[in-house]
Amino acid sequence: MPSNYFTSIEEREKIFCTELVKYCVEYEEAVIAAKIIASGQGDEFLSASEITIVKDACKKWSEQNQRFKRLKAIVKKI
């Protein structure tokens, strides 16, 4: 469903950064990754180091997010 409002790049950076830090990505790495993700550039426009930073940050986010979901499910059962 399309959105009826505009979100600036700066606002998207803040949202991505907050989400990454929330799930244990180091702040400095989260800031860099958030800027890259929010820019919306394809891999062909990024350097190898930028791609690595984003992949590492997203992998850490995914692992911690899954961990949180598993813990939440266990707590609900108790």
C-alpha atoms as a PDB file:
ATOM      1  CA  MET A   1       0.000   0.000   0.000  1.00  0.00           C
ATOM      2  CA  PRO A   2       1.572   3.303  -1.050  1.00  0.00           C
ATOM      3  CA  SER A   3       2.288   5.920   1.561  1.00  0.00           C
ATOM      4  CA  ASN A   4       0.507   9.280   1.383  1.00  0.00           C
ATOM      5  CA  TYR A   5       3.294  11.221   3.053  1.00  0.00           C
ATOM      6  CA  PHE A   6       6.917  12.054   2.339  1.00  0.00           C
ATOM      7  CA  THR A   7       9.735  10.922   4.597  1.00  0.00           C
ATOM      8  CA  SER A   8      12.985  12.825   4.173  1.00  0.00           C
ATOM      9  CA  ILE A   9      16.303  11.068   3.834  1.00  0.00           C
ATOM     10  CA  GLU A  10      17.361  12.509   7.191  1.00  0.00           C
ATOM     11  CA  GLU A  11      14.279  11.086   8.881  1.00  0.00           C
ATOM     12  CA  ARG A  12      14.864   7.666   7.296  1.00  0.00           C
ATOM     13  CA  GLU A  13      18.488   7.802   8.498  1.00  0.00           C
ATOM     14  CA  LYS A  14      17.278   8.418  12.057  1.00  0.00           C
ATOM     15  CA  ILE A  15      14.769   5.578  11.866  1.00  0.00           C
ATOM     16  CA  PHE A  16      17.300   3.087  10.465  1.00  0.00           C
ATOM     17  CA  CYS A  17      19.986   4.165  12.937  1.00  0.00           C
ATOM     18  CA  THR A  18      17.624   3.830  15.897  1.00  0.00           C
ATOM     19  CA  GLU A  19      16.531   0.383  14.773  1.00  0.00           C
ATOM     20  CA  LEU A  20      20.116  -0.808  14.259  1.00  0.00           C
ATOM     21  CA  VAL A  21      21.289   0.494  17.647  1.00  0.00           C
ATOM     22  CA  LYS A  22      18.210  -0.991  19.321  1.00  0.00           C
ATOM     23  CA  TYR A  23      19.416  -4.413  18.227  1.00  0.00           C
ATOM     24  CA  CYS A  24      23.041  -4.041  19.364  1.00  0.00           C
ATOM     25  CA  VAL A  25      24.788  -2.619  16.297  1.00  0.00           C
ATOM     26  CA  GLU A  26      27.542  -0.269  17.466  1.00  0.00           C
ATOM     27  CA  TYR A  27      26.529   3.372  17.121  1.00  0.00           C
ATOM     28  CA  GLU A  28      29.287   4.418  14.698  1.00  0.00           C
ATOM     29  CA  GLU A  29      28.564   1.474  12.410  1.00  0.00           C
ATOM     30  CA  ALA A  30      24.811   2.101  12.682  1.00  0.00           C
ATOM     31  CA  VAL A  31      25.199   5.746  11.626  1.00  0.00           C
ATOM     32  CA  ILE A  32      27.214   4.826   8.547  1.00  0.00           C
ATOM     33  CA  ALA A  33      24.923   1.946   7.588  1.00  0.00           C
ATOM     34  CA  ALA A  34      21.802   4.045   8.120  1.00  0.00           C
ATOM     35  CA  LYS A  35      23.119   6.789   5.805  1.00  0.00           C
ATOM     36  CA  ILE A  36      23.860   4.242   3.103  1.00  0.00           C
ATOM     37  CA  ILE A  37      20.527   2.431   3.441  1.00  0.00           C
ATOM     38  CA  ALA A  38      18.511   5.661   3.537  1.00  0.00           C
ATOM     39  CA  SER A  39      20.236   6.927   0.390  1.00  0.00           C
ATOM     40  CA  GLY A  40      18.631   4.100  -1.572  1.00  0.00           C
ATOM     41  CA  GLN A  41      21.679   3.662  -3.799  1.00  0.00           C
ATOM     42  CA  GLY A  42      22.189   0.314  -5.468  1.00  0.00           C
ATOM     43  CA  ASP A  43      25.232  -1.845  -4.797  1.00  0.00           C
ATOM     44  CA  GLU A  44      26.769  -0.771  -8.099  1.00  0.00           C
ATOM     45  CA  PHE A  45      27.159   2.768  -6.701  1.00  0.00           C
ATOM     46  CA  LEU A  46      28.732   1.701  -3.382  1.00  0.00           C
ATOM     47  CA  SER A  47      32.305   0.836  -2.530  1.00  0.00           C
ATOM     48  CA  ALA A  48      33.222  -2.621  -1.286  1.00  0.00           C
ATOM     49  CA  SER A  49      33.745  -1.262   2.238  1.00  0.00           C
ATOM     50  CA  GLU A  50      30.302   0.397   2.256  1.00  0.00           C
ATOM     51  CA  ILE A  51      28.660  -2.841   1.150  1.00  0.00           C
ATOM     52  CA  THR A  52      30.516  -4.718   3.884  1.00  0.00           C
ATOM     53  CA  ILE A  53      29.445  -2.227   6.563  1.00  0.00           C
ATOM     54  CA  VAL A  54      25.792  -2.490   5.556  1.00  0.00           C
ATOM     55  CA  LYS A  55      25.882  -6.297   5.326  1.00  0.00           C
ATOM     56  CA  ASP A  56      27.556  -6.611   8.736  1.00  0.00           C
ATOM     57  CA  ALA A  57      25.135  -4.177  10.384  1.00  0.00           C
ATOM     58  CA  CYS A  58      22.096  -5.863   8.861  1.00  0.00           C
ATOM     59  CA  LYS A  59      23.366  -9.333   9.793  1.00  0.00           C
ATOM     60  CA  LYS A  60      23.877  -8.251  13.412  1.00  0.00           C
ATOM     61  CA  TRP A  61      20.429  -6.610  13.434  1.00  0.00           C
ATOM     62  CA  SER A  62      18.809  -9.753  12.032  1.00  0.00           C
ATOM     63  CA  GLU A  63      20.525 -12.078  14.510  1.00  0.00           C
ATOM     64  CA  GLN A  64      19.599  -9.926  17.506  1.00  0.00           C
ATOM     65  CA  ASN A  65      16.057  -9.371  16.250  1.00  0.00           C
ATOM     66  CA  GLN A  66      15.540 -13.145  15.940  1.00  0.00           C
ATOM     67  CA  ARG A  67      17.045 -13.653  19.402  1.00  0.00           C
ATOM     68  CA  PHE A  68      14.640 -11.077  20.845  1.00  0.00           C
ATOM     69  CA  LYS A  69      11.655 -12.786  19.186  1.00  0.00           C
ATOM     70  CA  ARG A  70      12.673 -16.186  20.593  1.00  0.00           C
ATOM     71  CA  LEU A  71      13.106 -14.747  24.088  1.00  0.00           C
ATOM     72  CA  LYS A  72       9.775 -12.961  23.851  1.00  0.00           C
ATOM     73  CA  ALA A  73       8.045 -16.219  22.878  1.00  0.00           C
ATOM     74  CA  ILE A  74       9.640 -18.024  25.842  1.00  0.00           C
ATOM     75  CA  VAL A  75       8.591 -15.279  28.269  1.00  0.00           C
ATOM     76  CA  LYS A  76       4.991 -15.468  27.019  1.00  0.00           C
ATOM     77  CA  LYS A  77       4.895 -19.178  27.848  1.00  0.00           C
ATOM     78  CA  ILE A  78       5.986 -18.582  31.437  1.00  0.00           C
END
